[in-house]
C-alpha atoms as a PDB file:
ATOM      1  CA  UNK A   1     -15.992 -39.244 -66.242  1.00  0.00           C
ATOM      2  CA  UNK A   2     -19.062 -36.754 -66.628  1.00  0.00           C
ATOM      3  CA  UNK A   3     -16.460 -33.767 -66.650  1.00  0.00           C
ATOM      4  CA  UNK A   4     -14.917 -35.114 -69.881  1.00  0.00           C
ATOM      5  CA  UNK A   5     -18.059 -34.048 -71.823  1.00  0.00           C
ATOM      6  CA  UNK A   6     -18.631 -30.835 -69.992  1.00  0.00           C
ATOM      7  CA  UNK A   7     -16.024 -28.749 -71.521  1.00  0.00           C
ATOM      8  CA  UNK A   8     -16.923 -29.621 -75.116  1.00  0.00           C
ATOM      9  CA  UNK A   9     -20.532 -29.181 -74.321  1.00  0.00           C
ATOM     10  CA  UNK A  10     -19.994 -25.546 -72.842  1.00  0.00           C
ATOM     11  CA  UNK A  11     -17.750 -24.620 -75.648  1.00  0.00           C
ATOM     12  CA  UNK A  12     -20.506 -25.738 -78.200  1.00  0.00           C
ATOM     13  CA  UNK A  13     -22.961 -23.752 -76.072  1.00  0.00           C
ATOM     14  CA  UNK A  14     -20.955 -20.577 -76.303  1.00  0.00           C
ATOM     15  CA  UNK A  15     -20.335 -20.636 -80.127  1.00  0.00           C
ATOM     16  CA  UNK A  16     -24.149 -21.188 -80.954  1.00  0.00           C
ATOM     17  CA  UNK A  17     -24.864 -18.306 -78.462  1.00  0.00           C
ATOM     18  CA  UNK A  18     -22.428 -15.965 -80.086  1.00  0.00           C
ATOM     19  CA  UNK A  19     -23.503 -17.071 -83.572  1.00  0.00           C
ATOM     20  CA  UNK A  20     -27.196 -16.186 -82.440  1.00  0.00           C
ATOM     21  CA  UNK A  21     -26.324 -12.797 -81.168  1.00  0.00           C
ATOM     22  CA  UNK A  22     -24.380 -11.821 -84.324  1.00  0.00           C
ATOM     23  CA  UNK A  23     -27.054 -12.874 -86.509  1.00  0.00           C
ATOM     24  CA  UNK A  24     -29.528 -10.762 -84.626  1.00  0.00           C
ATOM     25  CA  UNK A  25     -27.295  -7.807 -84.506  1.00  0.00           C
ATOM     26  CA  UNK A  26     -26.703  -7.825 -88.144  1.00  0.00           C
ATOM     27  CA  UNK A  27     -30.442  -7.944 -88.891  1.00  0.00           C
ATOM     28  CA  UNK A  28     -31.153  -5.273 -86.339  1.00  0.00           C
ATOM     29  CA  UNK A  29     -28.598  -2.832 -88.154  1.00  0.00           C
ATOM     30  CA  UNK A  30     -29.515  -3.663 -91.674  1.00  0.00           C
ATOM     31  CA  UNK A  31     -30.930  -0.597 -93.263  1.00  0.00           C
ATOM     32  CA  UNK A  32     -31.977   0.121 -96.700  1.00  0.00           C
ATOM     33  CA  UNK A  33     -29.557   1.667 -98.954  1.00  0.00           C
ATOM     34  CA  UNK A  34     -30.155   5.225-100.536  1.00  0.00           C
ATOM     35  CA  UNK A  35     -30.386   3.883-103.822  1.00  0.00           C
ATOM     36  CA  UNK A  36     -33.444   1.209-102.810  1.00  0.00           C
ATOM     37  CA  UNK A  37     -35.506   4.137-101.478  1.00  0.00           C
ATOM     38  CA  UNK A  38     -37.358   5.839-104.432  1.00  0.00           C
ATOM     39  CA  UNK A  39     -37.078   9.507-104.822  1.00  0.00           C
ATOM     40  CA  UNK A  40     -40.317  11.077-103.264  1.00  0.00           C
ATOM     41  CA  UNK A  41     -40.209  14.059-101.054  1.00  0.00           C
ATOM     42  CA  UNK A  42     -38.500  16.909-102.784  1.00  0.00           C
ATOM     43  CA  UNK A  43     -37.929  18.733 -99.535  1.00  0.00           C
ATOM     44  CA  UNK A  44     -36.580  15.687 -97.701  1.00  0.00           C
ATOM     45  CA  UNK A  45     -34.727  13.905-100.364  1.00  0.00           C
ATOM     46  CA  UNK A  46     -33.920  17.027-102.432  1.00  0.00           C
ATOM     47  CA  UNK A  47     -30.018  15.835-102.672  1.00  0.00           C
ATOM     48  CA  UNK A  48     -31.004  12.606-104.129  1.00  0.00           C
ATOM     49  CA  UNK A  49     -30.614  12.370-108.080  1.00  0.00           C
ATOM     50  CA  UNK A  50     -33.728  10.676-109.683  1.00  0.00           C
ATOM     51  CA  UNK A  51     -33.512   7.029-109.641  1.00  0.00           C
ATOM     52  CA  UNK A  52     -33.678   7.174-113.520  1.00  0.00           C
ATOM     53  CA  UNK A  53     -30.297   8.898-113.872  1.00  0.00           C
ATOM     54  CA  UNK A  54     -27.380   6.965-115.121  1.00  0.00           C
ATOM     55  CA  UNK A  55     -23.793   7.343-113.889  1.00  0.00           C
ATOM     56  CA  UNK A  56     -22.731  10.472-115.875  1.00  0.00           C
ATOM     57  CA  UNK A  57     -26.124  12.391-114.740  1.00  0.00           C
ATOM     58  CA  UNK A  58     -25.513  11.278-111.133  1.00  0.00           C
ATOM     59  CA  UNK A  59     -21.999  12.604-111.178  1.00  0.00           C
ATOM     60  CA  UNK A  60     -23.252  15.875-112.688  1.00  0.00           C
ATOM     61  CA  UNK A  61     -26.098  16.083-110.198  1.00  0.00           C
ATOM     62  CA  UNK A  62     -23.821  15.903-107.241  1.00  0.00           C
ATOM     63  CA  UNK A  63     -21.216  18.252-108.986  1.00  0.00           C
ATOM     64  CA  UNK A  64     -23.972  20.686-109.415  1.00  0.00           C
ATOM     65  CA  UNK A  65     -24.899  20.539-105.664  1.00  0.00           C
ATOM     66  CA  UNK A  66     -21.407  21.072-104.855  1.00  0.00           C
ATOM     67  CA  UNK A  67     -21.141  24.158-107.271  1.00  0.00           C
ATOM     68  CA  UNK A  68     -24.436  25.704-106.035  1.00  0.00           C
ATOM     69  CA  UNK A  69     -23.313  24.989-102.341  1.00  0.00           C
ATOM     70  CA  UNK A  70     -19.938  27.006-103.050  1.00  0.00           C
ATOM     71  CA  UNK A  71     -21.851  29.898-104.885  1.00  0.00           C
ATOM     72  CA  UNK A  72     -24.377  30.179-102.152  1.00  0.00           C
ATOM     73  CA  UNK A  73     -21.492  30.375 -99.524  1.00  0.00           C
ATOM     74  CA  UNK A  74     -19.710  32.908-101.609  1.00  0.00           C
ATOM     75  CA  UNK A  75     -22.587  35.006-102.463  1.00  0.00           C
ATOM     76  CA  UNK A  76     -21.735  34.673-106.149  1.00  0.00           C
ATOM     77  CA  UNK A  77     -24.457  34.901-108.967  1.00  0.00           C
ATOM     78  CA  UNK A  78     -26.440  31.745-109.243  1.00  0.00           C
ATOM     79  CA  UNK A  79     -25.369  30.662-112.786  1.00  0.00           C
ATOM     80  CA  UNK A  80     -25.086  26.867-113.508  1.00  0.00           C
ATOM     81  CA  UNK A  81     -23.612  27.646-116.943  1.00  0.00           C
ATOM     82  CA  UNK A  82     -20.686  29.584-115.431  1.00  0.00           C
ATOM     83  CA  UNK A  83     -18.865  26.575-113.989  1.00  0.00           C
ATOM     84  CA  UNK A  84     -15.803  24.940-115.727  1.00  0.00           C
ATOM     85  CA  UNK A  85     -17.077  21.638-114.850  1.00  0.00           C
ATOM     86  CA  UNK A  86     -20.246  22.293-116.594  1.00  0.00           C
ATOM     87  CA  UNK A  87     -18.434  23.915-119.771  1.00  0.00           C
ATOM     88  CA  UNK A  88     -15.930  20.930-119.767  1.00  0.00           C
ATOM     89  CA  UNK A  89     -17.350  17.821-118.261  1.00  0.00           C
ATOM     90  CA  UNK A  90     -15.021  15.204-116.992  1.00  0.00           C
ATOM     91  CA  UNK A  91     -16.770  12.495-118.989  1.00  0.00           C
ATOM     92  CA  UNK A  92     -16.538  11.156-122.446  1.00  0.00           C
ATOM     93  CA  UNK A  93     -18.234  11.651-125.529  1.00  0.00           C
ATOM     94  CA  UNK A  94     -22.033  11.186-125.441  1.00  0.00           C
ATOM     95  CA  UNK A  95     -21.878  11.345-121.610  1.00  0.00           C
ATOM     96  CA  UNK A  96     -21.111  14.922-121.705  1.00  0.00           C
ATOM     97  CA  UNK A  97     -24.771  16.071-122.252  1.00  0.00           C
ATOM     98  CA  UNK A  98     -25.916  13.705-119.734  1.00  0.00           C
ATOM     99  CA  UNK A  99     -23.392  15.090-117.304  1.00  0.00           C
ATOM    100  CA  UNK A 100     -24.662  18.839-118.030  1.00  0.00           C
ATOM    101  CA  UNK A 101     -28.274  17.760-117.557  1.00  0.00           C
ATOM    102  CA  UNK A 102     -27.683  16.232-114.167  1.00  0.00           C
ATOM    103  CA  UNK A 103     -25.548  19.254-113.205  1.00  0.00           C
ATOM    104  CA  UNK A 104     -28.009  21.710-113.933  1.00  0.00           C
ATOM    105  CA  UNK A 105     -30.819  19.852-112.170  1.00  0.00           C
ATOM    106  CA  UNK A 106     -28.649  19.388-108.945  1.00  0.00           C
ATOM    107  CA  UNK A 107     -27.451  23.047-109.008  1.00  0.00           C
ATOM    108  CA  UNK A 108     -31.055  24.205-109.436  1.00  0.00           C
ATOM    109  CA  UNK A 109     -32.328  21.907-106.870  1.00  0.00           C
ATOM    110  CA  UNK A 110     -29.695  22.927-104.216  1.00  0.00           C
ATOM    111  CA  UNK A 111     -29.992  26.596-104.881  1.00  0.00           C
ATOM    112  CA  UNK A 112     -33.955  26.320-104.341  1.00  0.00           C
ATOM    113  CA  UNK A 113     -33.237  24.489-101.238  1.00  0.00           C
ATOM    114  CA  UNK A 114     -30.709  27.201 -99.919  1.00  0.00           C
ATOM    115  CA  UNK A 115     -32.859  30.035-100.910  1.00  0.00           C
ATOM    116  CA  UNK A 116     -36.216  28.746 -99.720  1.00  0.00           C
ATOM    117  CA  UNK A 117     -35.218  26.425 -96.615  1.00  0.00           C
ATOM    118  CA  UNK A 118     -32.159  28.285 -95.451  1.00  0.00           C
ATOM    119  CA  UNK A 119     -30.587  24.997 -94.937  1.00  0.00           C
ATOM    120  CA  UNK A 120     -26.917  24.083 -95.256  1.00  0.00           C
ATOM    121  CA  UNK A 121     -26.050  22.021 -97.950  1.00  0.00           C
ATOM    122  CA  UNK A 122     -24.007  18.885 -96.977  1.00  0.00           C
ATOM    123  CA  UNK A 123     -20.720  17.623 -98.985  1.00  0.00           C
ATOM    124  CA  UNK A 124     -21.601  14.883-101.074  1.00  0.00           C
END
């Protein structure tokens, strides 16, 4: 008679224990998203666009970093204005100026980082 309640009790205990472990694992690995951390240290977060940037500026910023990385690796003259993506931004209308602004900032930041820190620029 007592064994009739033993199986459901053990099952409930296992489910409760697993749920508790899962919740702890989720909170232990939770980290703030990069967007939640404000841009502070140019040496540490040099490849993060300013938080105030809109989508077109962010896209341009990342494209600028990639262009600088390629120019640096290929030993080309550093010139942000000399890239097709800068001349013909892949965005519409008024976003073109914002894209170019972000592109130049990302390009110059990456070149400065590569020249002075000698580090490799990661692909974004």
